[in-house]
PDB file of N, CA and C in Angstrom:
ATOM      1  N   MET A   1       1.910 -31.832 -11.747  1.00  0.00           N
ATOM      2  CA  MET A   1       0.963 -30.882 -11.183  1.00  0.00           C
ATOM      3  C   MET A   1       1.527 -30.213  -9.929  1.00  0.00           C
ATOM      4  N   ASP A   2       2.239 -30.982  -9.116  1.00  0.00           N
ATOM      5  CA  ASP A   2       2.832 -30.409  -7.910  1.00  0.00           C
ATOM      6  C   ASP A   2       3.895 -29.376  -8.248  1.00  0.00           C
ATOM      7  N   LEU A   3       4.600 -29.601  -9.334  1.00  0.00           N
ATOM      8  CA  LEU A   3       5.621 -28.639  -9.756  1.00  0.00           C
ATOM      9  C   LEU A   3       4.988 -27.312 -10.151  1.00  0.00           C
ATOM     10  N   LEU A   4       3.843 -27.357 -10.838  1.00  0.00           N
ATOM     11  CA  LEU A   4       3.149 -26.118 -11.216  1.00  0.00           C
ATOM     12  C   LEU A   4       2.651 -25.366  -9.982  1.00  0.00           C
ATOM     13  N   LEU A   5       2.144 -26.092  -8.992  1.00  0.00           N
ATOM     14  CA  LEU A   5       1.705 -25.438  -7.750  1.00  0.00           C
ATOM     15  C   LEU A   5       2.885 -24.798  -7.025  1.00  0.00           C
ATOM     16  N   ASP A   6       4.006 -25.495  -6.993  1.00  0.00           N
ATOM     17  CA  ASP A   6       5.199 -24.932  -6.351  1.00  0.00           C
ATOM     18  C   ASP A   6       5.684 -23.684  -7.081  1.00  0.00           C
ATOM     19  N   ILE A   7       5.695 -23.724  -8.403  1.00  0.00           N
ATOM     20  CA  ILE A   7       6.128 -22.557  -9.188  1.00  0.00           C
ATOM     21  C   ILE A   7       5.177 -21.384  -8.965  1.00  0.00           C
ATOM     22  N   GLY A   8       3.869 -21.658  -8.995  1.00  0.00           N
ATOM     23  CA  GLY A   8       2.891 -20.596  -8.754  1.00  0.00           C
ATOM     24  C   GLY A   8       3.024 -19.991  -7.368  1.00  0.00           C
ATOM     25  N   THR A   9       3.252 -20.864  -6.380  1.00  0.00           N
ATOM     26  CA  THR A   9       3.430 -20.385  -5.014  1.00  0.00           C
ATOM     27  C   THR A   9       4.661 -19.505  -4.892  1.00  0.00           C
ATOM     28  N   TRP A  10       5.760 -19.939  -5.479  1.00  0.00           N
ATOM     29  CA  TRP A  10       6.987 -19.139  -5.410  1.00  0.00           C
ATOM     30  C   TRP A  10       6.840 -17.809  -6.129  1.00  0.00           C
ATOM     31  N   ILE A  11       6.138 -17.801  -7.238  1.00  0.00           N
ATOM     32  CA  ILE A  11       5.924 -16.537  -7.959  1.00  0.00           C
ATOM     33  C   ILE A  11       5.124 -15.572  -7.094  1.00  0.00           C
ATOM     34  N   LEU A  12       4.061 -16.071  -6.466  1.00  0.00           N
ATOM     35  CA  LEU A  12       3.245 -15.206  -5.607  1.00  0.00           C
ATOM     36  C   LEU A  12       4.022 -14.707  -4.391  1.00  0.00           C
ATOM     37  N   LEU A  13       4.796 -15.594  -3.767  1.00  0.00           N
ATOM     38  CA  LEU A  13       5.572 -15.181  -2.594  1.00  0.00           C
ATOM     39  C   LEU A  13       6.679 -14.195  -2.963  1.00  0.00           C
ATOM     40  N   LEU A  14       7.319 -14.399  -4.099  1.00  0.00           N
ATOM     41  CA  LEU A  14       8.355 -13.450  -4.532  1.00  0.00           C
ATOM     42  C   LEU A  14       7.754 -12.096  -4.911  1.00  0.00           C
ATOM     43  N   ALA A  15       6.575 -12.116  -5.536  1.00  0.00           N
ATOM     44  CA  ALA A  15       5.905 -10.853  -5.852  1.00  0.00           C
ATOM     45  C   ALA A  15       5.552 -10.100  -4.569  1.00  0.00           C
ATOM     46  N   ALA A  16       5.093 -10.831  -3.545  1.00  0.00           N
ATOM     47  CA  ALA A  16       4.788 -10.199  -2.259  1.00  0.00           C
ATOM     48  C   ALA A  16       6.044  -9.603  -1.640  1.00  0.00           C
ATOM     49  N   CYS A  17       7.156 -10.327  -1.730  1.00  0.00           N
ATOM     50  CA  CYS A  17       8.421  -9.808  -1.192  1.00  0.00           C
ATOM     51  C   CYS A  17       8.855  -8.538  -1.924  1.00  0.00           C
ATOM     52  N   ILE A  18       8.679  -8.520  -3.217  1.00  0.00           N
ATOM     53  CA  ILE A  18       9.044  -7.323  -3.994  1.00  0.00           C
ATOM     54  C   ILE A  18       8.186  -6.136  -3.577  1.00  0.00           C
ATOM     55  N   PHE A  19       6.878  -6.360  -3.409  1.00  0.00           N
ATOM     56  CA  PHE A  19       6.008  -5.264  -2.969  1.00  0.00           C
ATOM     57  C   PHE A  19       6.395  -4.774  -1.577  1.00  0.00           C
ATOM     58  N   LEU A  20       6.759  -5.670  -0.686  1.00  0.00           N
ATOM     59  CA  LEU A  20       7.170  -5.249   0.652  1.00  0.00           C
ATOM     60  C   LEU A  20       8.500  -4.510   0.632  1.00  0.00           C
ATOM     61  N   LEU A  21       9.415  -4.889  -0.245  1.00  0.00           N
ATOM     62  CA  LEU A  21      10.670  -4.134  -0.392  1.00  0.00           C
ATOM     63  C   LEU A  21      10.407  -2.735  -0.934  1.00  0.00           C
ATOM     64  N   ILE A  22       9.527  -2.638  -1.920  1.00  0.00           N
ATOM     65  CA  ILE A  22       9.175  -1.320  -2.459  1.00  0.00           C
ATOM     66  C   ILE A  22       8.513  -0.468  -1.380  1.00  0.00           C
ATOM     67  N   THR A  23       7.679  -1.093  -0.553  1.00  0.00           N
ATOM     68  CA  THR A  23       7.051  -0.367   0.550  1.00  0.00           C
ATOM     69  C   THR A  23       8.093   0.147   1.526  1.00  0.00           C
ATOM     70  N   GLY A  24       9.073  -0.686   1.851  1.00  0.00           N
ATOM     71  CA  GLY A  24      10.137  -0.253   2.761  1.00  0.00           C
ATOM     72  C   GLY A  24      10.930   0.905   2.197  1.00  0.00           C
ATOM     73  N   LEU A  25      11.234   0.848   0.902  1.00  0.00           N
ATOM     74  CA  LEU A  25      11.935   1.975   0.271  1.00  0.00           C
ATOM     75  C   LEU A  25      11.065   3.224   0.262  1.00  0.00           C
ATOM     76  N   GLY A  26       9.776   3.034   0.033  1.00  0.00           N
ATOM     77  CA  GLY A  26       8.865   4.174   0.048  1.00  0.00           C
ATOM     78  C   GLY A  26       8.784   4.818   1.416  1.00  0.00           C
ATOM     79  N   MET A  27       8.813   4.001   2.451  1.00  0.00           N
ATOM     80  CA  MET A  27       8.790   4.552   3.808  1.00  0.00           C
ATOM     81  C   MET A  27      10.029   5.397   4.095  1.00  0.00           C
ATOM     82  N   LEU A  28      11.129   5.032   3.495  1.00  0.00           N
ATOM     83  CA  LEU A  28      12.358   5.802   3.701  1.00  0.00           C
ATOM     84  C   LEU A  28      12.426   7.041   2.806  1.00  0.00           C
ATOM     85  N   ARG A  29      11.905   6.970   1.597  1.00  0.00           N
ATOM     86  CA  ARG A  29      12.132   8.010   0.612  1.00  0.00           C
ATOM     87  C   ARG A  29      10.998   9.041   0.477  1.00  0.00           C
ATOM     88  N   LEU A  30       9.780   8.670   0.801  1.00  0.00           N
ATOM     89  CA  LEU A  30       8.665   9.589   0.601  1.00  0.00           C
ATOM     90  C   LEU A  30       8.724  10.740   1.599  1.00  0.00           C
ATOM     91  N   PRO A  31       8.213  11.922   1.209  1.00  0.00           N
ATOM     92  CA  PRO A  31       8.496  13.133   1.975  1.00  0.00           C
ATOM     93  C   PRO A  31       7.726  13.317   3.281  1.00  0.00           C
ATOM     94  N   ASP A  32       6.487  12.872   3.362  1.00  0.00           N
ATOM     95  CA  ASP A  32       5.733  13.162   4.575  1.00  0.00           C
ATOM     96  C   ASP A  32       4.900  11.960   5.012  1.00  0.00           C
ATOM     97  N   LEU A  33       4.244  12.127   6.144  1.00  0.00           N
ATOM     98  CA  LEU A  33       3.490  11.042   6.753  1.00  0.00           C
ATOM     99  C   LEU A  33       2.377  10.541   5.847  1.00  0.00           C
ATOM    100  N   TYR A  34       1.688  11.429   5.177  1.00  0.00           N
ATOM    101  CA  TYR A  34       0.521  11.045   4.395  1.00  0.00           C
ATOM    102  C   TYR A  34       0.893  10.192   3.187  1.00  0.00           C
ATOM    103  N   THR A  35       1.970  10.509   2.505  1.00  0.00           N
ATOM    104  CA  THR A  35       2.395   9.682   1.381  1.00  0.00           C
ATOM    105  C   THR A  35       2.951   8.352   1.865  1.00  0.00           C
ATOM    106  N   ARG A  36       3.586   8.355   3.014  1.00  0.00           N
ATOM    107  CA  ARG A  36       4.084   7.102   3.583  1.00  0.00           C
ATOM    108  C   ARG A  36       2.941   6.194   3.998  1.00  0.00           C
ATOM    109  N   ILE A  37       1.910   6.767   4.590  1.00  0.00           N
ATOM    110  CA  ILE A  37       0.743   5.985   4.977  1.00  0.00           C
ATOM    111  C   ILE A  37       0.092   5.369   3.746  1.00  0.00           C
ATOM    112  N   HIS A  38      -0.035   6.150   2.695  1.00  0.00           N
ATOM    113  CA  HIS A  38      -0.670   5.654   1.470  1.00  0.00           C
ATOM    114  C   HIS A  38       0.124   4.501   0.872  1.00  0.00           C
ATOM    115  N   ALA A  39       1.411   4.680   0.753  1.00  0.00           N
ATOM    116  CA  ALA A  39       2.253   3.632   0.170  1.00  0.00           C
ATOM    117  C   ALA A  39       2.234   2.372   1.030  1.00  0.00           C
ATOM    118  N   GLY A  40       2.336   2.548   2.317  1.00  0.00           N
ATOM    119  CA  GLY A  40       2.342   1.399   3.210  1.00  0.00           C
ATOM    120  C   GLY A  40       1.024   0.646   3.220  1.00  0.00           C
ATOM    121  N   GLY A  41      -0.065   1.371   3.239  1.00  0.00           N
ATOM    122  CA  GLY A  41      -1.377   0.728   3.267  1.00  0.00           C
ATOM    123  C   GLY A  41      -1.693  -0.041   2.007  1.00  0.00           C
ATOM    124  N   MET A  42      -1.377   0.541   0.866  1.00  0.00           N
ATOM    125  CA  MET A  42      -1.680  -0.121  -0.401  1.00  0.00           C
ATOM    126  C   MET A  42      -0.829  -1.370  -0.612  1.00  0.00           C
ATOM    127  N   ALA A  43       0.456  -1.232  -0.456  1.00  0.00           N
ATOM    128  CA  ALA A  43       1.355  -2.356  -0.726  1.00  0.00           C
ATOM    129  C   ALA A  43       1.227  -3.440   0.336  1.00  0.00           C
ATOM    130  N   ASP A  44       0.965  -3.063   1.565  1.00  0.00           N
ATOM    131  CA  ASP A  44       0.816  -4.045   2.627  1.00  0.00           C
ATOM    132  C   ASP A  44      -0.401  -4.928   2.369  1.00  0.00           C
ATOM    133  N   THR A  45      -1.493  -4.338   1.944  1.00  0.00           N
ATOM    134  CA  THR A  45      -2.693  -5.103   1.651  1.00  0.00           C
ATOM    135  C   THR A  45      -2.462  -6.050   0.477  1.00  0.00           C
ATOM    136  N   LEU A  46      -1.826  -5.554  -0.572  1.00  0.00           N
ATOM    137  CA  LEU A  46      -1.562  -6.389  -1.738  1.00  0.00           C
ATOM    138  C   LEU A  46      -0.583  -7.513  -1.400  1.00  0.00           C
ATOM    139  N   ALA A  47       0.449  -7.213  -0.642  1.00  0.00           N
ATOM    140  CA  ALA A  47       1.421  -8.240  -0.273  1.00  0.00           C
ATOM    141  C   ALA A  47       0.784  -9.308   0.613  1.00  0.00           C
ATOM    142  N   THR A  48      -0.075  -8.920   1.520  1.00  0.00           N
ATOM    143  CA  THR A  48      -0.776  -9.892   2.359  1.00  0.00           C
ATOM    144  C   THR A  48      -1.656 -10.799   1.511  1.00  0.00           C
ATOM    145  N   PHE A  49      -2.343 -10.214   0.540  1.00  0.00           N
ATOM    146  CA  PHE A  49      -3.167 -11.012  -0.366  1.00  0.00           C
ATOM    147  C   PHE A  49      -2.327 -12.018  -1.143  1.00  0.00           C
ATOM    148  N   LEU A  50      -1.184 -11.573  -1.668  1.00  0.00           N
ATOM    149  CA  LEU A  50      -0.333 -12.467  -2.449  1.00  0.00           C
ATOM    150  C   LEU A  50       0.251 -13.592  -1.593  1.00  0.00           C
ATOM    151  N   VAL A  51       0.675 -13.284  -0.382  1.00  0.00           N
ATOM    152  CA  VAL A  51       1.213 -14.314   0.506  1.00  0.00           C
ATOM    153  C   VAL A  51       0.133 -15.341   0.842  1.00  0.00           C
ATOM    154  N   CYS A  52      -1.048 -14.869   1.208  1.00  0.00           N
ATOM    155  CA  CYS A  52      -2.124 -15.791   1.563  1.00  0.00           C
ATOM    156  C   CYS A  52      -2.576 -16.614   0.360  1.00  0.00           C
ATOM    157  N   LEU A  53      -2.581 -16.026  -0.818  1.00  0.00           N
ATOM    158  CA  LEU A  53      -2.934 -16.779  -2.018  1.00  0.00           C
ATOM    159  C   LEU A  53      -1.903 -17.856  -2.320  1.00  0.00           C
ATOM    160  N   GLY A  54      -0.630 -17.519  -2.162  1.00  0.00           N
ATOM    161  CA  GLY A  54       0.418 -18.517  -2.353  1.00  0.00           C
ATOM    162  C   GLY A  54       0.319 -19.651  -1.356  1.00  0.00           C
ATOM    163  N   LEU A  55       0.038 -19.323  -0.102  1.00  0.00           N
ATOM    164  CA  LEU A  55      -0.118 -20.358   0.915  1.00  0.00           C
ATOM    165  C   LEU A  55      -1.369 -21.197   0.675  1.00  0.00           C
ATOM    166  N   ALA A  56      -2.428 -20.567   0.166  1.00  0.00           N
ATOM    167  CA  ALA A  56      -3.650 -21.311  -0.141  1.00  0.00           C
ATOM    168  C   ALA A  56      -3.417 -22.286  -1.287  1.00  0.00           C
ATOM    169  N   LEU A  57      -2.593 -21.903  -2.241  1.00  0.00           N
ATOM    170  CA  LEU A  57      -2.255 -22.830  -3.320  1.00  0.00           C
ATOM    171  C   LEU A  57      -1.545 -24.063  -2.768  1.00  0.00           C
ATOM    172  N   GLN A  58      -0.661 -23.870  -1.822  1.00  0.00           N
ATOM    173  CA  GLN A  58       0.075 -24.990  -1.246  1.00  0.00           C
ATOM    174  C   GLN A  58      -0.809 -25.893  -0.394  1.00  0.00           C
ATOM    175  N   SER A  59      -1.767 -25.317   0.300  1.00  0.00           N
ATOM    176  CA  SER A  59      -2.572 -26.127   1.213  1.00  0.00           C
ATOM    177  C   SER A  59      -3.711 -26.852   0.525  1.00  0.00           C
ATOM    178  N   GLY A  60      -4.070 -26.450  -0.679  1.00  0.00           N
ATOM    179  CA  GLY A  60      -5.189 -27.086  -1.365  1.00  0.00           C
ATOM    180  C   GLY A  60      -6.507 -26.617  -0.778  1.00  0.00           C
ATOM    181  N   LEU A  61      -7.564 -27.357  -1.062  1.00  0.00           N
ATOM    182  CA  LEU A  61      -8.886 -26.973  -0.559  1.00  0.00           C
ATOM    183  C   LEU A  61      -9.107 -27.644   0.797  1.00  0.00           C
ATOM    184  N   THR A  62      -8.638 -26.955   1.849  1.00  0.00           N
ATOM    185  CA  THR A  62      -8.748 -27.475   3.207  1.00  0.00           C
ATOM    186  C   THR A  62      -9.255 -26.366   4.122  1.00  0.00           C
ATOM    187  N   LEU A  63      -9.347 -26.675   5.379  1.00  0.00           N
ATOM    188  CA  LEU A  63      -9.756 -25.686   6.372  1.00  0.00           C
ATOM    189  C   LEU A  63      -8.736 -24.550   6.460  1.00  0.00           C
ATOM    190  N   THR A  64      -7.483 -24.867   6.206  1.00  0.00           N
ATOM    191  CA  THR A  64      -6.428 -23.843   6.218  1.00  0.00           C
ATOM    192  C   THR A  64      -6.685 -22.779   5.165  1.00  0.00           C
ATOM    193  N   THR A  65      -7.148 -23.196   3.998  1.00  0.00           N
ATOM    194  CA  THR A  65      -7.460 -22.245   2.930  1.00  0.00           C
ATOM    195  C   THR A  65      -8.589 -21.319   3.349  1.00  0.00           C
ATOM    196  N   ILE A  66      -9.599 -21.853   3.996  1.00  0.00           N
ATOM    197  CA  ILE A  66     -10.714 -21.031   4.471  1.00  0.00           C
ATOM    198  C   ILE A  66     -10.218 -20.009   5.493  1.00  0.00           C
ATOM    199  N   LYS A  67      -9.349 -20.430   6.377  1.00  0.00           N
ATOM    200  CA  LYS A  67      -8.788 -19.512   7.376  1.00  0.00           C
ATOM    201  C   LYS A  67      -7.966 -18.419   6.701  1.00  0.00           C
ATOM    202  N   LEU A  68      -7.198 -18.784   5.679  1.00  0.00           N
ATOM    203  CA  LEU A  68      -6.416 -17.780   4.952  1.00  0.00           C
ATOM    204  C   LEU A  68      -7.325 -16.771   4.256  1.00  0.00           C
ATOM    205  N   LEU A  69      -8.435 -17.233   3.712  1.00  0.00           N
ATOM    206  CA  LEU A  69      -9.386 -16.308   3.081  1.00  0.00           C
ATOM    207  C   LEU A  69     -10.008 -15.365   4.103  1.00  0.00           C
ATOM    208  N   PHE A  70     -10.256 -15.864   5.314  1.00  0.00           N
ATOM    209  CA  PHE A  70     -10.751 -14.983   6.378  1.00  0.00           C
ATOM    210  C   PHE A  70      -9.701 -13.942   6.768  1.00  0.00           C
ATOM    211  N   ILE A  71      -8.454 -14.336   6.777  1.00  0.00           N
ATOM    212  CA  ILE A  71      -7.372 -13.391   7.078  1.00  0.00           C
ATOM    213  C   ILE A  71      -7.320 -12.295   6.020  1.00  0.00           C
ATOM    214  N   VAL A  72      -7.425 -12.685   4.748  1.00  0.00           N
ATOM    215  CA  VAL A  72      -7.402 -11.702   3.658  1.00  0.00           C
ATOM    216  C   VAL A  72      -8.583 -10.745   3.787  1.00  0.00           C
ATOM    217  N   ALA A  73      -9.771 -11.278   4.061  1.00  0.00           N
ATOM    218  CA  ALA A  73     -10.950 -10.416   4.225  1.00  0.00           C
ATOM    219  C   ALA A  73     -10.763  -9.459   5.401  1.00  0.00           C
ATOM    220  N   PHE A  74     -10.218  -9.961   6.496  1.00  0.00           N
ATOM    221  CA  PHE A  74      -9.983  -9.117   7.669  1.00  0.00           C
ATOM    222  C   PHE A  74      -9.002  -7.986   7.342  1.00  0.00           C
ATOM    223  N   VAL A  75      -7.923  -8.309   6.644  1.00  0.00           N
ATOM    224  CA  VAL A  75      -6.926  -7.294   6.289  1.00  0.00           C
ATOM    225  C   VAL A  75      -7.516  -6.283   5.303  1.00  0.00           C
ATOM    226  N   PHE A  76      -8.346  -6.744   4.363  1.00  0.00           N
ATOM    227  CA  PHE A  76      -8.952  -5.822   3.401  1.00  0.00           C
ATOM    228  C   PHE A  76      -9.863  -4.806   4.080  1.00  0.00           C
ATOM    229  N   PHE A  77     -10.475  -5.179   5.197  1.00  0.00           N
ATOM    230  CA  PHE A  77     -11.333  -4.234   5.901  1.00  0.00           C
ATOM    231  C   PHE A  77     -10.568  -3.381   6.906  1.00  0.00           C
ATOM    232  N   THR A  78      -9.594  -3.951   7.581  1.00  0.00           N
ATOM    233  CA  THR A  78      -8.931  -3.219   8.653  1.00  0.00           C
ATOM    234  C   THR A  78      -7.790  -2.323   8.179  1.00  0.00           C
ATOM    235  N   SER A  79      -7.083  -2.706   7.143  1.00  0.00           N
ATOM    236  CA  SER A  79      -5.946  -1.893   6.692  1.00  0.00           C
ATOM    237  C   SER A  79      -6.371  -0.520   6.184  1.00  0.00           C
ATOM    238  N   PRO A  80      -7.356  -0.418   5.284  1.00  0.00           N
ATOM    239  CA  PRO A  80      -7.787   0.928   4.875  1.00  0.00           C
ATOM    240  C   PRO A  80      -8.394   1.734   6.018  1.00  0.00           C
ATOM    241  N   THR A  81      -9.110   1.055   6.910  1.00  0.00           N
ATOM    242  CA  THR A  81      -9.721   1.750   8.037  1.00  0.00           C
ATOM    243  C   THR A  81      -8.656   2.315   8.972  1.00  0.00           C
ATOM    244  N   SER A  82      -7.652   1.525   9.285  1.00  0.00           N
ATOM    245  CA  SER A  82      -6.598   2.020  10.173  1.00  0.00           C
ATOM    246  C   SER A  82      -5.754   3.101   9.493  1.00  0.00           C
ATOM    247  N   THR A  83      -5.540   2.963   8.198  1.00  0.00           N
ATOM    248  CA  THR A  83      -4.805   3.987   7.462  1.00  0.00           C
ATOM    249  C   THR A  83      -5.551   5.318   7.502  1.00  0.00           C
ATOM    250  N   TYR A  84      -6.863   5.264   7.275  1.00  0.00           N
ATOM    251  CA  TYR A  84      -7.671   6.479   7.322  1.00  0.00           C
ATOM    252  C   TYR A  84      -7.685   7.073   8.731  1.00  0.00           C
ATOM    253  N   ALA A  85      -7.823   6.234   9.737  1.00  0.00           N
ATOM    254  CA  ALA A  85      -7.858   6.739  11.112  1.00  0.00           C
ATOM    255  C   ALA A  85      -6.542   7.412  11.485  1.00  0.00           C
ATOM    256  N   LEU A  86      -5.427   6.832  11.081  1.00  0.00           N
ATOM    257  CA  LEU A  86      -4.122   7.427  11.369  1.00  0.00           C
ATOM    258  C   LEU A  86      -3.948   8.763  10.651  1.00  0.00           C
ATOM    259  N   ALA A  87      -4.348   8.817   9.385  1.00  0.00           N
ATOM    260  CA  ALA A  87      -4.231  10.065   8.630  1.00  0.00           C
ATOM    261  C   ALA A  87      -5.151  11.141   9.202  1.00  0.00           C
ATOM    262  N   GLN A  88      -6.364  10.771   9.558  1.00  0.00           N
ATOM    263  CA  GLN A  88      -7.312  11.736  10.119  1.00  0.00           C
ATOM    264  C   GLN A  88      -6.831  12.258  11.472  1.00  0.00           C
ATOM    265  N   ALA A  89      -6.314  11.386  12.311  1.00  0.00           N
ATOM    266  CA  ALA A  89      -5.803  11.818  13.611  1.00  0.00           C
ATOM    267  C   ALA A  89      -4.602  12.738  13.448  1.00  0.00           C
ATOM    268  N   SER A  90      -3.755  12.447  12.485  1.00  0.00           N
ATOM    269  CA  SER A  90      -2.597  13.308  12.239  1.00  0.00           C
ATOM    270  C   SER A  90      -3.029  14.683  11.748  1.00  0.00           C
ATOM    271  N   PHE A  91      -4.014  14.705  10.871  1.00  0.00           N
ATOM    272  CA  PHE A  91      -4.495  15.985  10.343  1.00  0.00           C
ATOM    273  C   PHE A  91      -5.175  16.810  11.431  1.00  0.00           C
ATOM    274  N   VAL A  92      -5.968  16.160  12.263  1.00  0.00           N
ATOM    275  CA  VAL A  92      -6.647  16.864  13.362  1.00  0.00           C
ATOM    276  C   VAL A  92      -5.630  17.384  14.372  1.00  0.00           C
ATOM    277  N   ALA A  93      -4.537  16.646  14.564  1.00  0.00           N
ATOM    278  CA  ALA A  93      -3.494  17.072  15.500  1.00  0.00           C
ATOM    279  C   ALA A  93      -2.676  18.244  14.962  1.00  0.00           C
ATOM    280  N   GLY A  94      -2.868  18.583  13.692  1.00  0.00           N
ATOM    281  CA  GLY A  94      -2.204  19.757  13.150  1.00  0.00           C
ATOM    282  C   GLY A  94      -1.076  19.480  12.177  1.00  0.00           C
ATOM    283  N   LEU A  95      -0.843  18.236  11.832  1.00  0.00           N
ATOM    284  CA  LEU A  95       0.208  17.900  10.877  1.00  0.00           C
ATOM    285  C   LEU A  95      -0.326  18.105   9.465  1.00  0.00           C
ATOM    286  N   LYS A  96       0.209  19.088   8.785  1.00  0.00           N
ATOM    287  CA  LYS A  96      -0.245  19.410   7.434  1.00  0.00           C
ATOM    288  C   LYS A  96       0.599  18.665   6.408  1.00  0.00           C
ATOM    289  N   PRO A  97      -0.022  18.256   5.297  1.00  0.00           N
ATOM    290  CA  PRO A  97       0.756  17.577   4.255  1.00  0.00           C
ATOM    291  C   PRO A  97       1.689  18.543   3.539  1.00  0.00           C
ATOM    292  N   LYS A  98       2.812  17.998   3.051  1.00  0.00           N
ATOM    293  CA  LYS A  98       3.743  18.813   2.269  1.00  0.00           C
ATOM    294  C   LYS A  98       3.196  18.963   0.867  1.00  0.00           C
ATOM    295  N   LEU A  99       3.067  20.196   0.440  1.00  0.00           N
ATOM    296  CA  LEU A  99       2.543  20.471  -0.894  1.00  0.00           C
ATOM    297  C   LEU A  99       3.517  21.327  -1.689  1.00  0.00           C
ATOM    298  N   ASP A 100       4.805  21.212  -1.418  1.00  0.00           N
ATOM    299  CA  ASP A 100       5.798  22.060  -2.072  1.00  0.00           C
ATOM    300  C   ASP A 100       5.762  21.916  -3.586  1.00  0.00           C
ATOM    301  N   GLY A 101       5.787  20.707  -4.081  1.00  0.00           N
ATOM    302  CA  GLY A 101       5.779  20.486  -5.514  1.00  0.00           C
ATOM    303  C   GLY A 101       4.492  20.972  -6.143  1.00  0.00           C
ATOM    304  N   PHE A 102       3.368  20.791  -5.452  1.00  0.00           N
ATOM    305  CA  PHE A 102       2.083  21.230  -5.967  1.00  0.00           C
ATOM    306  C   PHE A 102       2.022  22.746  -6.042  1.00  0.00           C
ATOM    307  N   ASN A 103       2.503  23.437  -5.012  1.00  0.00           N
ATOM    308  CA  ASN A 103       2.471  24.898  -5.017  1.00  0.00           C
ATOM    309  C   ASN A 103       3.358  25.477  -6.114  1.00  0.00           C
ATOM    310  N   LYS A 104       4.516  24.890  -6.337  1.00  0.00           N
ATOM    311  CA  LYS A 104       5.395  25.377  -7.391  1.00  0.00           C
ATOM    312  C   LYS A 104       4.757  25.179  -8.758  1.00  0.00           C
ATOM    313  N   THR A 105       4.089  24.065  -8.942  1.00  0.00           N
ATOM    314  CA  THR A 105       3.423  23.814 -10.217  1.00  0.00           C
ATOM    315  C   THR A 105       2.294  24.804 -10.421  1.00  0.00           C
ATOM    316  N   ALA A 106       1.535  25.091  -9.384  1.00  0.00           N
ATOM    317  CA  ALA A 106       0.432  26.047  -9.498  1.00  0.00           C
ATOM    318  C   ALA A 106       0.967  27.446  -9.783  1.00  0.00           C
ATOM    319  N   GLN A 107       2.076  27.832  -9.156  1.00  0.00           N
ATOM    320  CA  GLN A 107       2.654  29.150  -9.411  1.00  0.00           C
ATOM    321  C   GLN A 107       3.176  29.243 -10.843  1.00  0.00           C
ATOM    322  N   ASN A 108       3.827  28.211 -11.318  1.00  0.00           N
ATOM    323  CA  ASN A 108       4.324  28.223 -12.691  1.00  0.00           C
ATOM    324  C   ASN A 108       3.184  28.318 -13.686  1.00  0.00           C
ATOM    325  N   LYS A 109       2.069  27.663 -13.422  1.00  0.00           N
ATOM    326  CA  LYS A 109       0.930  27.715 -14.322  1.00  0.00           C
ATOM    327  C   LYS A 109       0.331  29.113 -14.327  1.00  0.00           C
ATOM    328  N   GLU A 110       0.233  29.743 -13.159  1.00  0.00           N
ATOM    329  CA  GLU A 110      -0.323  31.096 -13.095  1.00  0.00           C
ATOM    330  C   GLU A 110       0.592  32.081 -13.813  1.00  0.00           C
ATOM    331  N   GLU A 111       1.899  31.903 -13.679  1.00  0.00           N
ATOM    332  CA  GLU A 111       2.835  32.800 -14.373  1.00  0.00           C
ATOM    333  C   GLU A 111       2.746  32.597 -15.878  1.00  0.00           C
ATOM    334  N   ASP A 112       2.525  31.357 -16.319  1.00  0.00           N
ATOM    335  CA  ASP A 112       2.392  31.090 -17.744  1.00  0.00           C
ATOM    336  C   ASP A 112       1.103  31.694 -18.302  1.00  0.00           C
ATOM    337  N   ASP A 113       0.061  31.765 -17.478  1.00  0.00           N
ATOM    338  CA  ASP A 113      -1.183  32.354 -17.913  1.00  0.00           C
ATOM    339  C   ASP A 113      -1.146  33.876 -17.911  1.00  0.00           C
ATOM    340  N   GLY A 114      -0.093  34.453 -17.420  1.00  0.00           N
ATOM    341  CA  GLY A 114       0.030  35.903 -17.359  1.00  0.00           C
ATOM    342  C   GLY A 114      -0.474  36.491 -16.067  1.00  0.00           C
ATOM    343  N   LYS A 115      -0.898  35.662 -15.149  1.00  0.00           N
ATOM    344  CA  LYS A 115      -1.389  36.151 -13.874  1.00  0.00           C
ATOM    345  C   LYS A 115      -0.223  36.173 -12.893  1.00  0.00           C
ATOM    346  N   VAL A 116      -0.196  37.159 -12.060  1.00  0.00           N
ATOM    347  CA  VAL A 116       0.832  37.257 -11.030  1.00  0.00           C
ATOM    348  C   VAL A 116       0.241  36.721  -9.737  1.00  0.00           C
ATOM    349  N   PRO A 117       0.908  35.773  -9.090  1.00  0.00           N
ATOM    350  CA  PRO A 117       0.370  35.256  -7.829  1.00  0.00           C
ATOM    351  C   PRO A 117       0.367  36.321  -6.744  1.00  0.00           C
ATOM    352  N   ASP A 118      -0.618  36.228  -5.860  1.00  0.00           N
ATOM    353  CA  ASP A 118      -0.753  37.207  -4.775  1.00  0.00           C
ATOM    354  C   ASP A 118       0.301  37.020  -3.728  1.00  0.00           C
TER     355      ASP A 118
END
């Protein structure tokens, strides 16, 4: 039984590490602040959940597990809130999202429909 708990814990911790590596690559490769915020917020929350779940498996049903569940609940509420606040403050400060790919797609669609863009 202990071997199964260890295997489950390692799987969860490795999955969290993979999500954090993907987040780091996304922070380097994504084009603007808004896509970076989205990638970081989503993967960070999921990785925190996986790490805490893996640690809860190791600790069993103890006070430590309850504390880990409180940490997960706290992160689930604060991470999206802080992500939204950062994005809203950036937008209010005048930082516009990059929509280059979207504009090109819209222009190509209008040209295909026979309409000439203004």
